[in-house]
Amino acid sequence: MAPFLSYQPFKSLFALLALPVTTAYLAFLGIYYIPKSLRPHPEWSWHTAMGTSLLKSLYKLATTIRMKPRLYVTPGSFKNSLTIDPGPASIYTGVLGHETIKPAPVLSIWFPKPQGSISKDQKVILQFQGGGFVIYADPRSGCRFGTSILSKEMDAAILYAQYRLSRSEDTSFPAALQDCVTSYNYLLNQGVDPKNIIFSGDSAGGNLVIALLRYIEDTKALPPPGGALAWSPWVELTQRAVDNYSYSRRRTTDFLNIGLLRWGIDAYRPAKGMPSGDGINGAAAEPYISPSNHPFVTRTPLFIHSGTAELIHDEIKGFVEEMEGVEGNRIKYWETPNAPHDIMFIGNILGFWEEPAKAVRGARAFFGF
């Protein structure tokens, strides 16, 4: 059940009151964090301490009032935006077959758009944004830092796919994964060689990257891509894991809050009793929703990144070890010391300017591009 502060007029009143309180609180922290010994992590810069506190405050507010998402990419909203229509029914099988949740058009944007027509040899990164399955960031600000690095270091065009958020029963799992399939199928239909396509996703988007790889292996409905990047992937979407975070020492060194994780889990998981397709509410869907403890064989080289100060660091590292234990898998794990969640796309806010580019160069070497 949604908190009462998510309903009007309480929602607006709380937001109005929270703004000056949060501003004053951050101003206090700006002074408090001047001595290095008082920062949440002894190795952090003042920038990192303040950036983490700022994001923590913003996400806590968004979670408390259940901030309504804005569709930043709409038809014609960007010069390089486009609408991708669903593919044939044959590519939405297994867990993607659903009685009420159907494939839908996907609003997308190029960062940057390839020059001229897309060629077979064009390298393309298919990017899925994070946000706990319930929140969007404006791609012009929330994605620009990361997409600029990816485009430069990988020498690739980037297609940002705005998948459906889980804000109602008809947009819970498998809606977002259906949109990922739609987006990938579009690139294949444009003639791009699958070997030149790289999946990339941060946080919840990283979860979708892993789910899409699993879907490709389970169904053989689509060819595998040339590689996959999972940045701070959210790999364990269980209440047990969230309960354990209450006792984690990393609660003070990450901006993720437990309320946001609970909200995302409740929203993304299908409602009990909802009409389902092939095991949507059962064991068949669980590995797609929460890949931790469900390793699988993949033909795709998979690069996984985590920061050691992340709240979900242990789960990410555990999943890496599980995937490395599967014969034939090519897994590369890259760890950034003292980094909180998702520095790939918000490293500019968190004070990690150089580390994301180093990680991408490591990924490119791993893929052999």
Protein backbone atom coordinates (compact mmCIF):
# COMPACT_ATOMS: atom_id res chain seq x y z
CA MET A 1 0.00 0.00 0.00
CA ALA A 2 1.26 3.46 -0.92
CA PRO A 3 2.08 5.81 2.00
CA PHE A 4 -0.54 8.44 2.81
CA LEU A 5 1.95 11.17 1.90
CA SER A 6 1.69 9.99 -1.71
CA TYR A 7 -1.89 11.26 -1.90
CA GLN A 8 -3.03 14.83 -2.39
CA PRO A 9 -3.15 17.26 -0.66
CA PHE A 10 -0.61 15.68 1.72
CA LYS A 11 1.82 15.07 -1.13
CA SER A 12 2.08 18.73 -2.13
CA LEU A 13 2.17 19.96 1.46
CA PHE A 14 4.97 17.59 2.37
CA ALA A 15 6.98 18.56 -0.72
CA LEU A 16 6.62 22.27 0.09
CA LEU A 17 7.76 21.71 3.67
CA ALA A 18 10.57 19.35 2.68
CA LEU A 19 12.20 21.81 0.29
CA PRO A 20 13.38 24.41 2.84
CA VAL A 21 14.19 21.74 5.43
CA THR A 22 16.30 19.80 2.93
CA THR A 23 18.04 22.97 1.76
CA ALA A 24 18.95 23.90 5.34
CA TYR A 25 20.09 20.35 6.07
CA LEU A 26 22.39 20.27 3.05
CA ALA A 27 23.79 23.70 3.93
CA PHE A 28 24.63 22.36 7.38
CA LEU A 29 26.32 19.29 5.88
CA GLY A 30 28.34 21.53 3.60
CA ILE A 31 30.03 22.92 6.69
CA TYR A 32 29.98 19.71 8.72
CA TYR A 33 31.84 17.76 6.01
CA ILE A 34 34.74 20.20 5.78
CA PRO A 35 36.82 18.09 8.20
CA LYS A 36 37.59 14.85 6.38
CA SER A 37 37.12 12.83 9.55
CA LEU A 38 33.41 13.73 9.66
CA ARG A 39 32.55 12.52 6.17
CA PRO A 40 30.63 9.23 5.71
CA HIS A 41 33.75 7.58 4.28
CA PRO A 42 37.31 8.50 5.35
CA GLU A 43 38.58 8.40 1.75
CA TRP A 44 35.85 10.58 0.28
CA SER A 45 36.31 14.09 -1.03
CA TRP A 46 33.98 16.86 0.13
CA HIS A 47 32.36 16.67 -3.33
CA THR A 48 31.58 12.96 -2.92
CA ALA A 49 30.18 13.41 0.58
CA MET A 50 27.92 16.26 -0.52
CA GLY A 51 26.86 14.62 -3.78
CA THR A 52 25.87 11.44 -1.97
CA SER A 53 23.91 13.39 0.65
CA LEU A 54 22.15 15.43 -2.03
CA LEU A 55 21.05 12.35 -3.96
CA LYS A 56 20.03 10.57 -0.77
CA SER A 57 17.77 13.50 0.16
CA LEU A 58 16.23 13.74 -3.31
CA TYR A 59 15.54 10.02 -3.59
CA LYS A 60 14.08 9.91 -0.10
CA LEU A 61 11.67 12.71 -1.01
CA ALA A 62 10.73 11.03 -4.29
CA THR A 63 10.10 7.76 -2.47
CA THR A 64 8.04 9.30 0.33
CA ILE A 65 5.64 11.13 -1.97
CA ARG A 66 5.79 8.52 -4.77
CA MET A 67 6.88 11.18 -7.22
CA LYS A 68 5.04 10.87 -10.50
CA PRO A 69 7.42 10.03 -13.35
CA ARG A 70 7.74 12.34 -16.29
CA LEU A 71 8.17 10.98 -19.80
CA TYR A 72 11.15 13.03 -20.89
CA VAL A 73 11.30 11.42 -24.30
CA THR A 74 8.06 12.05 -26.19
CA PRO A 75 7.41 12.10 -29.94
CA GLY A 76 9.30 15.10 -31.30
CA SER A 77 10.69 16.17 -27.89
CA PHE A 78 14.29 15.69 -29.05
CA LYS A 79 15.89 16.19 -32.43
CA ASN A 80 17.09 12.60 -32.47
CA SER A 81 14.09 10.96 -30.79
CA LEU A 82 12.09 8.16 -32.36
CA THR A 83 9.26 5.77 -31.58
CA ILE A 84 9.97 2.06 -31.99
CA ASP A 85 6.99 -0.15 -32.70
CA PRO A 86 6.80 -3.69 -31.29
CA GLY A 87 8.12 -6.54 -33.39
CA PRO A 88 6.33 -9.74 -34.41
CA ALA A 89 4.61 -11.81 -31.74
CA SER A 90 7.13 -14.61 -32.27
CA ILE A 91 9.88 -12.70 -30.42
CA TYR A 92 7.77 -12.27 -27.25
CA THR A 93 7.54 -15.81 -25.98
CA GLY A 94 7.95 -17.62 -22.66
CA VAL A 95 7.85 -15.20 -19.74
CA LEU A 96 7.11 -12.30 -22.10
CA GLY A 97 3.81 -13.84 -23.16
CA HIS A 98 1.11 -12.24 -21.01
CA GLU A 99 -2.67 -12.01 -21.16
CA THR A 100 -2.89 -8.33 -20.26
CA ILE A 101 0.64 -6.86 -20.45
CA LYS A 102 1.44 -6.53 -24.13
CA PRO A 103 4.40 -5.11 -26.06
CA ALA A 104 4.04 -1.36 -26.63
CA PRO A 105 5.84 1.35 -28.63
CA VAL A 106 9.16 2.39 -27.08
CA LEU A 107 10.18 6.05 -27.05
CA SER A 108 13.91 6.34 -27.66
CA ILE A 109 16.67 8.83 -28.43
CA TRP A 110 20.06 8.66 -30.11
CA PHE A 111 23.19 9.88 -28.26
CA PRO A 112 24.49 10.80 -30.83
CA LYS A 113 22.61 9.80 -33.95
CA PRO A 114 24.73 7.85 -36.46
CA GLN A 115 25.81 9.85 -39.49
CA GLY A 116 23.64 8.90 -42.45
CA SER A 117 21.95 5.51 -42.49
CA ILE A 118 22.88 2.88 -39.93
CA SER A 119 25.41 0.47 -41.38
CA LYS A 120 26.03 -3.17 -40.57
CA ASP A 121 29.42 -2.26 -39.13
CA GLN A 122 28.10 0.57 -36.95
CA LYS A 123 28.82 -0.02 -33.27
CA VAL A 124 25.71 0.70 -31.22
CA ILE A 125 25.21 0.69 -27.45
CA LEU A 126 21.63 -0.03 -26.41
CA GLN A 127 21.23 1.78 -23.09
CA PHE A 128 18.63 1.05 -20.39
CA GLN A 129 18.43 3.63 -17.62
CA GLY A 130 18.23 2.98 -13.88
CA GLY A 131 15.72 4.31 -11.37
CA GLY A 132 14.45 1.33 -9.41
CA PHE A 133 11.84 0.61 -12.12
CA VAL A 134 9.78 3.54 -10.77
CA ILE A 135 11.71 6.77 -11.50
CA TYR A 136 13.13 8.40 -14.62
CA ALA A 137 15.90 10.96 -14.93
CA ASP A 138 16.01 13.47 -17.75
CA PRO A 139 18.38 11.89 -20.29
CA ARG A 140 19.77 15.34 -21.09
CA SER A 141 21.15 15.59 -17.55
CA GLY A 142 20.83 12.19 -15.89
CA CYS A 143 22.43 10.26 -18.75
CA ARG A 144 24.67 12.76 -20.55
CA PHE A 145 27.74 12.16 -18.35
CA GLY A 146 27.68 8.41 -18.89
CA THR A 147 26.59 8.37 -22.51
CA SER A 148 29.34 10.83 -23.46
CA ILE A 149 31.95 8.55 -21.92
CA LEU A 150 30.49 5.42 -23.49
CA SER A 151 30.23 6.99 -26.93
CA LYS A 152 33.80 8.32 -26.86
CA GLU A 153 35.56 5.34 -25.31
CA MET A 154 33.60 2.70 -27.25
CA ASP A 155 33.48 4.72 -30.49
CA ALA A 156 29.78 3.93 -30.72
CA ALA A 157 26.39 5.51 -31.19
CA ILE A 158 24.01 5.11 -28.24
CA LEU A 159 20.32 4.33 -28.44
CA TYR A 160 18.63 5.25 -25.14
CA ALA A 161 15.43 3.22 -24.76
CA GLN A 162 12.81 4.66 -22.39
CA TYR A 163 11.20 1.44 -21.19
CA ARG A 164 7.92 1.45 -19.29
CA LEU A 165 8.17 2.14 -15.58
CA SER A 166 6.28 -0.10 -13.16
CA ARG A 167 3.74 2.38 -11.83
CA SER A 168 0.62 0.25 -12.29
CA GLU A 169 -0.32 -3.42 -12.52
CA ASP A 170 -0.30 -3.30 -16.31
CA THR A 171 3.29 -2.03 -16.41
CA SER A 172 4.87 -4.43 -13.92
CA PHE A 173 7.04 -7.32 -15.11
CA PRO A 174 7.34 -8.22 -17.98
CA ALA A 175 6.54 -4.79 -19.53
CA ALA A 176 10.06 -3.34 -19.23
CA LEU A 177 11.69 -6.49 -20.57
CA GLN A 178 9.26 -6.53 -23.50
CA ASP A 179 10.46 -3.01 -24.31
CA CYS A 180 14.09 -4.15 -24.20
CA VAL A 181 13.31 -6.88 -26.72
CA THR A 182 11.49 -4.37 -28.93
CA SER A 183 14.48 -2.01 -28.89
CA TYR A 184 17.01 -4.72 -29.70
CA ASN A 185 14.85 -6.08 -32.50
CA TYR A 186 14.70 -2.57 -33.99
CA LEU A 187 18.49 -2.37 -34.23
CA LEU A 188 18.64 -5.80 -35.84
CA ASN A 189 15.99 -4.76 -38.37
CA GLN A 190 18.09 -1.69 -39.20
CA GLY A 191 20.76 -4.08 -40.38
CA VAL A 192 23.22 -3.68 -37.51
CA ASP A 193 25.32 -6.80 -37.03
CA PRO A 194 24.45 -8.20 -33.56
CA LYS A 195 28.19 -8.57 -32.93
CA ASN A 196 28.41 -4.76 -33.07
CA ILE A 197 25.62 -4.20 -30.53
CA ILE A 198 26.41 -3.77 -26.84
CA PHE A 199 23.74 -3.87 -24.16
CA SER A 200 24.31 -1.37 -21.34
CA GLY A 201 22.27 -0.66 -18.24
CA ASP A 202 22.76 0.91 -14.83
CA SER A 203 21.06 -0.23 -11.61
CA ALA A 204 17.57 -1.40 -12.63
CA GLY A 205 18.76 -1.06 -16.22
CA GLY A 206 21.58 -3.46 -15.38
CA ASN A 207 18.98 -5.91 -14.12
CA LEU A 208 17.25 -5.63 -17.51
CA VAL A 209 20.51 -6.23 -19.37
CA ILE A 210 20.98 -9.49 -17.47
CA ALA A 211 17.33 -10.47 -17.99
CA LEU A 212 17.59 -9.77 -21.72
CA LEU A 213 20.68 -11.97 -22.00
CA ARG A 214 18.83 -14.75 -20.17
CA TYR A 215 15.80 -14.36 -22.43
CA ILE A 216 17.97 -14.63 -25.54
CA GLU A 217 19.55 -17.84 -24.25
CA ASP A 218 16.27 -19.37 -23.04
CA THR A 219 14.21 -18.69 -26.16
CA LYS A 220 16.73 -18.34 -29.01
CA ALA A 221 14.23 -15.82 -30.41
CA LEU A 222 17.02 -13.30 -31.10
CA PRO A 223 20.78 -13.59 -31.72
CA PRO A 224 23.16 -12.73 -28.88
CA PRO A 225 24.82 -9.29 -28.92
CA GLY A 226 28.55 -8.64 -29.08
CA GLY A 227 28.77 -7.73 -25.40
CA ALA A 228 26.91 -6.48 -22.34
CA LEU A 229 27.66 -3.87 -19.67
CA ALA A 230 25.95 -4.00 -16.28
CA TRP A 231 26.73 -0.94 -14.14
CA SER A 232 25.86 -1.40 -10.45
CA PRO A 233 23.17 -3.91 -11.48
CA TRP A 234 20.30 -4.52 -9.08
CA VAL A 235 20.50 -8.29 -8.94
CA GLU A 236 18.49 -9.27 -5.86
CA LEU A 237 14.91 -7.98 -5.78
CA THR A 238 13.74 -9.72 -2.62
CA GLN A 239 12.33 -8.46 0.65
CA ARG A 240 14.89 -10.60 2.46
CA ALA A 241 17.74 -8.68 0.85
CA VAL A 242 16.13 -5.33 1.63
CA ASP A 243 15.64 -6.36 5.26
CA ASN A 244 19.33 -7.22 5.46
CA TYR A 245 20.28 -3.77 4.16
CA SER A 246 18.89 -2.31 7.40
CA TYR A 247 21.99 -3.69 9.14
CA SER A 248 24.51 -2.93 6.40
CA ARG A 249 27.47 -0.70 7.19
CA ARG A 250 27.12 0.69 3.66
CA ARG A 251 23.84 2.44 4.44
CA THR A 252 25.87 5.52 5.33
CA THR A 253 28.02 5.44 2.19
CA ASP A 254 25.34 5.16 -0.47
CA PHE A 255 22.43 7.31 -1.56
CA LEU A 256 20.12 4.33 -2.13
CA ASN A 257 17.46 4.16 0.56
CA ILE A 258 15.57 1.11 1.70
CA GLY A 259 12.22 2.74 0.99
CA LEU A 260 13.11 3.15 -2.69
CA LEU A 261 14.17 -0.48 -2.97
CA ARG A 262 10.96 -1.70 -1.34
CA TRP A 263 8.92 0.52 -3.65
CA GLY A 264 10.73 -0.80 -6.72
CA ILE A 265 10.29 -4.42 -5.69
CA ASP A 266 6.59 -4.03 -4.94
CA ALA A 267 6.01 -2.21 -8.22
CA TYR A 268 8.07 -4.41 -10.53
CA ARG A 269 6.94 -7.77 -9.25
CA PRO A 270 3.60 -8.87 -10.77
CA ALA A 271 0.57 -8.48 -8.53
CA LYS A 272 -0.62 -11.75 -7.04
CA GLY A 273 -3.65 -13.11 -8.81
CA MET A 274 -3.00 -11.06 -11.93
CA PRO A 275 -3.75 -12.90 -15.20
CA SER A 276 -0.45 -14.34 -16.35
CA GLY A 277 1.23 -15.95 -19.28
CA ASP A 278 3.88 -18.64 -18.99
CA GLY A 279 4.64 -18.62 -15.28
CA ILE A 280 4.69 -14.85 -14.77
CA ASN A 281 3.90 -15.25 -11.08
CA GLY A 282 5.89 -18.42 -10.63
CA ALA A 283 9.30 -20.02 -10.75
CA ALA A 284 9.82 -19.33 -14.46
CA ALA A 285 9.81 -15.56 -13.96
CA GLU A 286 11.86 -15.39 -10.75
CA PRO A 287 15.32 -15.63 -12.38
CA TYR A 288 14.37 -12.77 -14.71
CA ILE A 289 13.16 -10.54 -11.89
CA SER A 290 15.86 -11.35 -9.34
CA PRO A 291 18.89 -12.96 -11.03
CA SER A 292 20.90 -13.46 -7.84
CA ASN A 293 21.20 -17.19 -7.06
CA HIS A 294 20.08 -17.97 -10.61
CA PRO A 295 23.25 -18.15 -12.75
CA PHE A 296 22.87 -19.12 -16.40
CA VAL A 297 24.89 -19.86 -19.50
CA THR A 298 25.40 -16.90 -21.84
CA ARG A 299 27.29 -16.68 -25.12
CA THR A 300 27.69 -12.93 -24.58
CA PRO A 301 30.77 -11.47 -22.85
CA LEU A 302 29.41 -9.75 -19.73
CA PHE A 303 31.17 -6.85 -17.98
CA ILE A 304 29.90 -6.04 -14.48
CA HIS A 305 30.88 -2.99 -12.43
CA SER A 306 30.40 -2.23 -8.75
CA GLY A 307 31.65 0.29 -6.22
CA THR A 308 32.84 -0.97 -2.85
CA ALA A 309 30.72 1.61 -0.98
CA GLU A 310 27.47 0.54 -2.66
CA LEU A 311 24.62 -0.73 -0.53
CA ILE A 312 24.11 -3.62 -2.97
CA HIS A 313 27.83 -4.35 -3.44
CA ASP A 314 27.84 -7.79 -1.79
CA GLU A 315 24.92 -9.02 -3.92
CA ILE A 316 26.61 -7.83 -7.12
CA LYS A 317 29.89 -9.50 -6.24
CA GLY A 318 28.07 -12.69 -5.28
CA PHE A 319 26.25 -12.77 -8.62
CA VAL A 320 29.54 -12.28 -10.44
CA GLU A 321 30.99 -15.31 -8.67
CA GLU A 322 27.91 -17.35 -9.57
CA MET A 323 28.18 -16.42 -13.25
CA GLU A 324 31.92 -17.07 -13.29
CA GLY A 325 31.20 -20.56 -12.01
CA VAL A 326 29.19 -21.46 -15.11
CA GLU A 327 31.35 -23.24 -17.67
CA GLY A 328 31.78 -21.30 -20.90
CA ASN A 329 30.79 -17.90 -19.54
CA ARG A 330 33.06 -14.89 -20.17
CA ILE A 331 32.63 -12.54 -17.20
CA LYS A 332 34.72 -9.50 -16.33
CA TYR A 333 34.28 -7.86 -12.94
CA TRP A 334 35.50 -4.30 -12.40
CA GLU A 335 35.48 -2.78 -8.94
CA THR A 336 35.94 0.90 -8.06
CA PRO A 337 37.22 1.41 -4.49
CA ASN A 338 35.11 3.61 -2.20
CA ALA A 339 32.53 4.35 -4.92
CA PRO A 340 28.80 4.56 -4.16
CA HIS A 341 26.05 3.41 -6.50
CA ASP A 342 26.07 4.07 -10.25
CA ILE A 343 29.13 6.26 -10.76
CA MET A 344 28.97 5.44 -14.47
CA PHE A 345 26.06 7.81 -15.01
CA ILE A 346 26.23 10.19 -12.07
CA GLY A 347 29.94 10.23 -11.35
CA ASN A 348 29.91 13.96 -12.04
CA ILE A 349 27.54 14.47 -9.10
CA LEU A 350 29.42 12.02 -6.90
CA GLY A 351 32.91 13.32 -7.60
CA PHE A 352 34.11 10.30 -9.60
CA TRP A 353 35.20 11.94 -12.84
CA GLU A 354 37.93 9.64 -14.15
CA GLU A 355 36.96 6.21 -12.84
CA PRO A 356 34.01 5.59 -15.23
CA ALA A 357 36.19 6.17 -18.31
CA LYS A 358 38.82 3.78 -16.94
CA ALA A 359 36.14 1.15 -16.46
CA VAL A 360 34.82 1.59 -20.01
CA ARG A 361 38.33 1.26 -21.42
CA GLY A 362 38.65 -1.95 -19.43
CA ALA A 363 35.37 -3.17 -20.90
CA ARG A 364 36.47 -2.37 -24.45
CA ALA A 365 39.68 -4.32 -23.96
CA PHE A 366 37.65 -7.22 -22.56
CA PHE A 367 35.32 -7.22 -25.57
CA GLY A 368 38.25 -6.94 -27.97
CA PHE A 369 36.87 -3.94 -29.83
